[in-house]
């Protein structure tokens, strides 16, 4: 169990504190939803969580096999719904892998990304198309 404390600071900005580490981050409502857009929005953090979770799980699997993932990068786009209620509709992901497409670890890395806890926690109606770039 991890506790996160969120405090509303006013003007659609919040600060969140990670209980175990004491680290803090802020969120701001996006400009298209009455905010200043000066930092990550709560829905931006969901897209961030998806990309960083995929990278983390691939990193865990790679470390067990002594595979280098130096150069791995993940780009996630966040698309909001045009209808109400406002929600994330699509999270296209582009994963650039620092290994050739014919790598014997290809399927292992794909499985690791697809089984990360955040990906497994997303609602089924959120589209998550994944593009893999093998280098």
N, C-alpha and C. Protein backbone atom coordinates (compact mmCIF):
# COMPACT_ATOMS: atom_id res chain seq x y z
N UNK A 1 0.84 -1.17 0.00
CA UNK A 1 0.00 0.00 0.00
C UNK A 1 0.89 1.24 0.00
N UNK A 2 0.56 2.17 -0.85
CA UNK A 2 1.28 3.45 -0.92
C UNK A 2 0.25 4.55 -0.75
N UNK A 3 0.56 5.49 0.10
CA UNK A 3 -0.34 6.62 0.32
C UNK A 3 0.18 7.85 -0.41
N UNK A 4 -0.72 8.51 -1.13
CA UNK A 4 -0.43 9.75 -1.83
C UNK A 4 -1.40 10.79 -1.26
N UNK A 5 -0.87 11.91 -0.83
CA UNK A 5 -1.71 12.97 -0.29
C UNK A 5 -1.78 14.11 -1.31
N UNK A 6 -3.00 14.51 -1.63
CA UNK A 6 -3.22 15.58 -2.61
C UNK A 6 -3.83 16.78 -1.89
N UNK A 7 -3.24 17.94 -2.09
CA UNK A 7 -3.76 19.18 -1.53
C UNK A 7 -4.11 20.13 -2.67
N UNK A 8 -5.31 20.68 -2.61
CA UNK A 8 -5.75 21.67 -3.59
C UNK A 8 -5.15 23.01 -3.22
N UNK A 9 -4.42 23.63 -4.14
CA UNK A 9 -3.74 24.89 -3.87
C UNK A 9 -4.51 26.10 -4.38
N UNK A 10 -5.58 25.86 -5.11
CA UNK A 10 -6.35 26.95 -5.70
C UNK A 10 -5.98 27.13 -7.16
N UNK A 11 -6.82 27.85 -7.88
CA UNK A 11 -6.61 28.12 -9.30
C UNK A 11 -6.37 26.85 -10.11
N UNK A 12 -7.05 25.77 -9.75
CA UNK A 12 -7.03 24.48 -10.45
C UNK A 12 -5.67 23.78 -10.39
N UNK A 13 -4.89 24.09 -9.36
CA UNK A 13 -3.58 23.47 -9.17
C UNK A 13 -3.62 22.64 -7.88
N UNK A 14 -2.97 21.46 -7.95
CA UNK A 14 -2.86 20.58 -6.79
C UNK A 14 -1.40 20.22 -6.58
N UNK A 15 -1.07 19.90 -5.34
CA UNK A 15 0.24 19.33 -5.05
C UNK A 15 0.00 17.95 -4.47
N UNK A 16 0.83 17.01 -4.87
CA UNK A 16 0.70 15.63 -4.40
C UNK A 16 2.02 15.23 -3.75
N UNK A 17 1.90 14.53 -2.62
CA UNK A 17 3.08 14.06 -1.91
C UNK A 17 3.05 12.54 -1.86
N UNK A 18 4.14 11.94 -2.28
CA UNK A 18 4.33 10.49 -2.25
C UNK A 18 4.74 10.11 -0.83
N UNK A 19 3.89 9.38 -0.12
CA UNK A 19 4.12 9.07 1.28
C UNK A 19 5.47 8.44 1.59
N UNK A 20 5.84 7.35 0.91
CA UNK A 20 7.09 6.69 1.26
C UNK A 20 8.34 7.55 1.08
N UNK A 21 8.38 8.39 0.04
CA UNK A 21 9.60 9.15 -0.24
C UNK A 21 9.52 10.61 0.17
N UNK A 22 8.30 11.12 0.30
CA UNK A 22 8.14 12.54 0.58
C UNK A 22 8.29 13.43 -0.64
N UNK A 23 8.53 12.84 -1.81
CA UNK A 23 8.68 13.64 -3.04
C UNK A 23 7.33 14.25 -3.40
N UNK A 24 7.41 15.44 -4.02
CA UNK A 24 6.19 16.14 -4.38
C UNK A 24 6.14 16.43 -5.88
N UNK A 25 4.93 16.54 -6.39
CA UNK A 25 4.72 17.01 -7.75
C UNK A 25 3.46 17.84 -7.76
N UNK A 26 3.33 18.65 -8.80
CA UNK A 26 2.15 19.48 -8.95
C UNK A 26 1.40 19.09 -10.20
N UNK A 27 0.11 19.34 -10.18
CA UNK A 27 -0.70 19.21 -11.38
C UNK A 27 -1.40 20.54 -11.61
N UNK A 28 -1.75 20.75 -12.86
CA UNK A 28 -2.45 21.96 -13.25
C UNK A 28 -3.49 21.56 -14.28
N UNK A 29 -4.64 22.17 -14.23
CA UNK A 29 -5.63 21.91 -15.27
C UNK A 29 -5.10 22.41 -16.60
N UNK A 30 -5.39 21.70 -17.70
CA UNK A 30 -4.92 22.15 -19.01
C UNK A 30 -5.67 23.40 -19.47
N UNK A 31 -5.06 24.10 -20.39
CA UNK A 31 -5.64 25.34 -20.91
C UNK A 31 -7.03 25.08 -21.49
N UNK A 32 -7.21 23.93 -22.17
CA UNK A 32 -8.52 23.65 -22.78
C UNK A 32 -9.57 23.21 -21.76
N UNK A 33 -9.20 23.22 -20.48
CA UNK A 33 -10.17 22.90 -19.43
C UNK A 33 -10.04 23.91 -18.28
N UNK A 34 -9.91 25.19 -18.68
CA UNK A 34 -9.94 26.32 -17.76
C UNK A 34 -8.70 26.50 -16.89
N UNK A 35 -7.64 25.79 -17.19
CA UNK A 35 -6.43 25.90 -16.38
C UNK A 35 -5.35 26.71 -17.05
N UNK A 36 -4.21 26.76 -16.39
CA UNK A 36 -3.05 27.49 -16.91
C UNK A 36 -2.15 26.60 -17.77
N UNK A 37 -2.24 25.28 -17.59
CA UNK A 37 -1.42 24.36 -18.37
C UNK A 37 0.06 24.53 -18.12
N UNK A 38 0.44 24.90 -16.90
CA UNK A 38 1.85 25.17 -16.61
C UNK A 38 2.64 23.93 -16.20
N UNK A 39 1.95 22.82 -15.97
CA UNK A 39 2.61 21.56 -15.65
C UNK A 39 1.69 20.42 -16.05
N UNK A 40 2.06 19.22 -15.70
CA UNK A 40 1.25 18.05 -16.04
C UNK A 40 -0.17 18.20 -15.50
N UNK A 41 -1.14 17.79 -16.32
CA UNK A 41 -2.52 17.70 -15.83
C UNK A 41 -2.70 16.29 -15.25
N UNK A 42 -3.77 16.06 -14.50
CA UNK A 42 -4.00 14.71 -14.00
C UNK A 42 -4.06 13.66 -15.12
N UNK A 43 -4.68 14.00 -16.25
CA UNK A 43 -4.75 13.03 -17.33
C UNK A 43 -3.40 12.88 -18.03
N UNK A 44 -2.57 13.94 -18.03
CA UNK A 44 -1.20 13.80 -18.53
C UNK A 44 -0.44 12.76 -17.70
N UNK A 45 -0.68 12.77 -16.40
CA UNK A 45 -0.01 11.81 -15.52
C UNK A 45 -0.42 10.38 -15.84
N UNK A 46 -1.65 10.20 -16.31
CA UNK A 46 -2.07 8.85 -16.69
C UNK A 46 -1.29 8.38 -17.91
N UNK A 47 -1.11 9.25 -18.89
CA UNK A 47 -0.32 8.91 -20.07
C UNK A 47 1.14 8.67 -19.67
N UNK A 48 1.64 9.50 -18.77
CA UNK A 48 3.01 9.34 -18.26
C UNK A 48 3.16 8.01 -17.53
N UNK A 49 2.16 7.68 -16.74
CA UNK A 49 2.19 6.41 -15.99
C UNK A 49 2.24 5.22 -16.93
N UNK A 50 1.49 5.28 -18.03
CA UNK A 50 1.50 4.18 -18.99
C UNK A 50 2.89 3.99 -19.58
N UNK A 51 3.48 5.05 -20.09
CA UNK A 51 4.80 4.94 -20.71
C UNK A 51 5.88 4.52 -19.73
N UNK A 52 5.88 5.12 -18.55
CA UNK A 52 6.93 4.78 -17.58
C UNK A 52 6.73 3.39 -17.00
N UNK A 53 5.50 2.94 -16.89
CA UNK A 53 5.24 1.58 -16.41
C UNK A 53 5.72 0.56 -17.43
N UNK A 54 5.42 0.78 -18.70
CA UNK A 54 5.89 -0.13 -19.74
C UNK A 54 7.42 -0.22 -19.72
N UNK A 55 8.08 0.93 -19.65
CA UNK A 55 9.55 0.95 -19.63
C UNK A 55 10.09 0.25 -18.39
N UNK A 56 9.45 0.46 -17.25
CA UNK A 56 9.91 -0.15 -16.00
C UNK A 56 9.80 -1.67 -16.05
N UNK A 57 8.66 -2.17 -16.52
CA UNK A 57 8.48 -3.63 -16.56
C UNK A 57 9.43 -4.24 -17.59
N UNK A 58 9.60 -3.59 -18.74
CA UNK A 58 10.58 -4.09 -19.70
C UNK A 58 11.97 -4.06 -19.09
N UNK A 59 12.28 -3.02 -18.30
CA UNK A 59 13.58 -2.93 -17.64
C UNK A 59 13.79 -4.05 -16.63
N UNK A 60 12.76 -4.40 -15.89
CA UNK A 60 12.86 -5.50 -14.92
C UNK A 60 13.15 -6.81 -15.63
N UNK A 61 12.38 -7.06 -16.69
CA UNK A 61 12.55 -8.30 -17.47
C UNK A 61 13.94 -8.33 -18.11
N UNK A 62 14.36 -7.20 -18.68
CA UNK A 62 15.67 -7.13 -19.33
C UNK A 62 16.80 -7.36 -18.33
N UNK A 63 16.68 -6.79 -17.14
CA UNK A 63 17.73 -6.94 -16.13
C UNK A 63 17.90 -8.40 -15.73
N UNK A 64 16.80 -9.12 -15.64
CA UNK A 64 16.87 -10.54 -15.28
C UNK A 64 17.64 -11.35 -16.32
N UNK A 65 17.57 -10.90 -17.57
CA UNK A 65 18.24 -11.60 -18.67
C UNK A 65 19.55 -10.94 -19.08
N UNK A 66 19.95 -9.90 -18.33
CA UNK A 66 21.15 -9.13 -18.64
C UNK A 66 21.13 -8.56 -20.05
N UNK A 67 19.96 -8.02 -20.42
CA UNK A 67 19.76 -7.38 -21.72
C UNK A 67 19.84 -5.87 -21.50
N UNK A 68 20.60 -5.18 -22.33
CA UNK A 68 20.68 -3.73 -22.23
C UNK A 68 19.49 -3.09 -22.95
N UNK A 69 18.85 -2.17 -22.27
CA UNK A 69 17.78 -1.39 -22.90
C UNK A 69 18.18 0.08 -23.04
N UNK A 70 19.49 0.34 -22.98
CA UNK A 70 19.97 1.71 -23.14
C UNK A 70 19.52 2.22 -24.51
N UNK A 71 18.84 3.34 -24.50
CA UNK A 71 18.31 3.91 -25.73
C UNK A 71 16.81 3.67 -25.92
N UNK A 72 16.21 2.88 -25.03
CA UNK A 72 14.75 2.67 -25.08
C UNK A 72 14.06 4.02 -24.88
N UNK A 73 13.08 4.30 -25.71
CA UNK A 73 12.26 5.49 -25.49
C UNK A 73 10.81 5.17 -25.82
N UNK A 74 9.94 5.81 -25.09
CA UNK A 74 8.50 5.61 -25.27
C UNK A 74 7.83 6.96 -25.35
N UNK A 75 7.03 7.14 -26.39
CA UNK A 75 6.25 8.36 -26.55
C UNK A 75 4.78 7.99 -26.45
N UNK A 76 4.04 8.69 -25.61
CA UNK A 76 2.61 8.45 -25.45
C UNK A 76 1.88 9.74 -25.78
N UNK A 77 0.89 9.66 -26.63
CA UNK A 77 0.03 10.80 -26.94
C UNK A 77 -1.27 10.62 -26.17
N UNK A 78 -1.81 11.69 -25.69
CA UNK A 78 -3.09 11.63 -24.97
C UNK A 78 -4.15 12.35 -25.80
N UNK A 79 -5.20 11.62 -26.12
CA UNK A 79 -6.32 12.19 -26.86
C UNK A 79 -7.56 12.16 -25.97
N UNK A 80 -8.13 13.33 -25.75
CA UNK A 80 -9.33 13.41 -24.92
C UNK A 80 -10.57 13.22 -25.78
N UNK A 81 -11.63 12.76 -25.15
CA UNK A 81 -12.90 12.56 -25.86
C UNK A 81 -13.47 13.91 -26.26
N UNK A 82 -14.23 13.90 -27.33
CA UNK A 82 -14.91 15.12 -27.75
C UNK A 82 -16.31 15.20 -27.16
N UNK A 83 -16.81 14.07 -26.68
CA UNK A 83 -18.13 14.05 -26.07
C UNK A 83 -17.99 14.12 -24.55
N UNK A 84 -19.09 14.22 -23.88
CA UNK A 84 -19.09 14.27 -22.42
C UNK A 84 -19.48 12.90 -21.88
N UNK A 85 -19.01 12.48 -20.76
CA UNK A 85 -18.13 13.25 -19.90
C UNK A 85 -16.71 13.27 -20.44
N UNK A 86 -15.96 14.31 -20.09
CA UNK A 86 -14.57 14.47 -20.52
C UNK A 86 -13.77 13.29 -19.98
N UNK A 87 -13.00 12.65 -20.86
CA UNK A 87 -12.23 11.48 -20.46
C UNK A 87 -11.15 11.22 -21.48
N UNK A 88 -10.19 10.38 -21.11
CA UNK A 88 -9.17 9.95 -22.06
C UNK A 88 -9.82 8.94 -23.00
N UNK A 89 -9.70 9.18 -24.30
CA UNK A 89 -10.29 8.28 -25.28
C UNK A 89 -9.24 7.38 -25.93
N UNK A 90 -8.01 7.91 -26.07
CA UNK A 90 -6.99 7.18 -26.81
C UNK A 90 -5.60 7.55 -26.31
N UNK A 91 -4.75 6.53 -26.20
CA UNK A 91 -3.36 6.72 -25.77
C UNK A 91 -2.44 6.00 -26.74
N UNK A 92 -2.19 6.56 -27.93
CA UNK A 92 -1.25 5.93 -28.85
C UNK A 92 0.16 5.92 -28.25
N UNK A 93 0.82 4.78 -28.37
CA UNK A 93 2.15 4.59 -27.81
C UNK A 93 3.13 4.25 -28.93
N UNK A 94 4.28 4.88 -28.91
CA UNK A 94 5.37 4.54 -29.83
C UNK A 94 6.56 4.12 -28.99
N UNK A 95 6.99 2.88 -29.17
CA UNK A 95 8.12 2.34 -28.40
C UNK A 95 9.29 2.14 -29.35
N UNK A 96 10.38 2.84 -29.07
CA UNK A 96 11.60 2.69 -29.86
C UNK A 96 12.54 1.80 -29.07
N UNK A 97 12.78 0.61 -29.62
CA UNK A 97 13.57 -0.42 -28.95
C UNK A 97 15.01 -0.43 -29.45
N UNK A 98 15.97 -0.50 -28.53
CA UNK A 98 17.37 -0.53 -28.92
C UNK A 98 17.84 -1.96 -29.24
N UNK A 99 17.07 -2.63 -30.09
CA UNK A 99 17.44 -3.98 -30.52
C UNK A 99 16.79 -4.24 -31.87
N UNK A 100 17.36 -5.13 -32.66
CA UNK A 100 16.80 -5.40 -33.98
C UNK A 100 15.47 -6.14 -33.89
N UNK A 101 14.69 -6.02 -34.94
CA UNK A 101 13.38 -6.68 -34.96
C UNK A 101 13.49 -8.19 -34.89
N UNK A 102 14.60 -8.75 -35.34
CA UNK A 102 14.76 -10.21 -35.30
C UNK A 102 15.43 -10.69 -34.00
N UNK A 103 15.46 -9.82 -32.98
CA UNK A 103 16.05 -10.19 -31.70
C UNK A 103 15.29 -11.37 -31.10
N UNK A 104 16.00 -12.31 -30.47
CA UNK A 104 15.33 -13.41 -29.80
C UNK A 104 14.53 -12.95 -28.57
N UNK A 105 14.72 -11.67 -28.16
CA UNK A 105 14.01 -11.14 -27.00
C UNK A 105 12.80 -10.28 -27.36
N UNK A 106 12.51 -10.21 -28.65
CA UNK A 106 11.40 -9.36 -29.12
C UNK A 106 10.09 -9.71 -28.43
N UNK A 107 9.67 -10.95 -28.47
CA UNK A 107 8.39 -11.34 -27.88
C UNK A 107 8.39 -11.13 -26.37
N UNK A 108 9.51 -11.33 -25.73
CA UNK A 108 9.63 -11.13 -24.30
C UNK A 108 9.39 -9.66 -23.95
N UNK A 109 9.98 -8.77 -24.73
CA UNK A 109 9.82 -7.33 -24.48
C UNK A 109 8.40 -6.86 -24.77
N UNK A 110 7.81 -7.37 -25.84
CA UNK A 110 6.42 -7.01 -26.16
C UNK A 110 5.50 -7.47 -25.03
N UNK A 111 5.67 -8.69 -24.57
CA UNK A 111 4.84 -9.20 -23.49
C UNK A 111 5.03 -8.38 -22.22
N UNK A 112 6.26 -8.00 -21.92
CA UNK A 112 6.52 -7.19 -20.72
C UNK A 112 5.76 -5.87 -20.80
N UNK A 113 5.82 -5.20 -21.94
CA UNK A 113 5.13 -3.91 -22.09
C UNK A 113 3.62 -4.07 -21.95
N UNK A 114 3.07 -5.11 -22.56
CA UNK A 114 1.62 -5.31 -22.56
C UNK A 114 1.07 -5.78 -21.22
N UNK A 115 1.95 -6.28 -20.37
CA UNK A 115 1.47 -6.78 -19.07
C UNK A 115 1.85 -5.84 -17.92
N UNK A 116 2.27 -4.63 -18.24
CA UNK A 116 2.58 -3.69 -17.15
C UNK A 116 1.27 -3.38 -16.41
N UNK A 117 1.35 -3.12 -15.11
CA UNK A 117 0.14 -2.89 -14.32
C UNK A 117 -0.74 -1.74 -14.80
N UNK A 118 -0.15 -0.67 -15.30
CA UNK A 118 -0.97 0.45 -15.77
C UNK A 118 -1.75 0.04 -17.02
N UNK A 119 -1.08 -0.60 -17.97
CA UNK A 119 -1.77 -1.06 -19.18
C UNK A 119 -2.92 -1.99 -18.82
N UNK A 120 -2.68 -2.88 -17.87
CA UNK A 120 -3.71 -3.83 -17.45
C UNK A 120 -4.84 -3.17 -16.67
N UNK A 121 -4.60 -1.95 -16.16
CA UNK A 121 -5.60 -1.25 -15.36
C UNK A 121 -6.47 -0.30 -16.17
N UNK A 122 -6.12 -0.05 -17.42
CA UNK A 122 -6.89 0.88 -18.25
C UNK A 122 -8.24 0.28 -18.62
N UNK A 123 -9.23 1.14 -18.71
CA UNK A 123 -10.55 0.69 -19.16
C UNK A 123 -10.44 0.16 -20.58
N UNK A 124 -11.27 -0.80 -20.90
CA UNK A 124 -11.23 -1.41 -22.23
C UNK A 124 -11.64 -0.46 -23.34
N UNK A 125 -12.38 0.60 -23.02
CA UNK A 125 -12.81 1.52 -24.08
C UNK A 125 -11.77 2.60 -24.37
N UNK A 126 -10.63 2.57 -23.70
CA UNK A 126 -9.53 3.48 -24.03
C UNK A 126 -8.66 2.78 -25.07
N UNK A 127 -8.57 3.37 -26.25
CA UNK A 127 -7.74 2.77 -27.31
C UNK A 127 -6.27 2.97 -26.97
N UNK A 128 -5.48 1.89 -27.11
CA UNK A 128 -4.04 1.96 -26.86
C UNK A 128 -3.29 1.29 -28.01
N UNK A 129 -3.28 1.94 -29.19
CA UNK A 129 -2.51 1.37 -30.29
C UNK A 129 -1.01 1.53 -30.03
N UNK A 130 -0.26 0.48 -30.27
CA UNK A 130 1.18 0.50 -30.00
C UNK A 130 1.96 0.30 -31.29
N UNK A 131 2.88 1.22 -31.54
CA UNK A 131 3.80 1.12 -32.68
C UNK A 131 5.17 0.80 -32.13
N UNK A 132 5.79 -0.23 -32.68
CA UNK A 132 7.14 -0.63 -32.26
C UNK A 132 8.14 -0.23 -33.33
N UNK A 133 9.21 0.39 -32.92
CA UNK A 133 10.31 0.73 -33.82
C UNK A 133 11.54 -0.01 -33.30
N UNK A 134 12.05 -0.92 -34.12
CA UNK A 134 13.19 -1.75 -33.73
C UNK A 134 14.43 -1.19 -34.37
N UNK A 135 15.49 -0.96 -33.60
CA UNK A 135 16.71 -0.37 -34.15
C UNK A 135 17.89 -1.25 -33.84
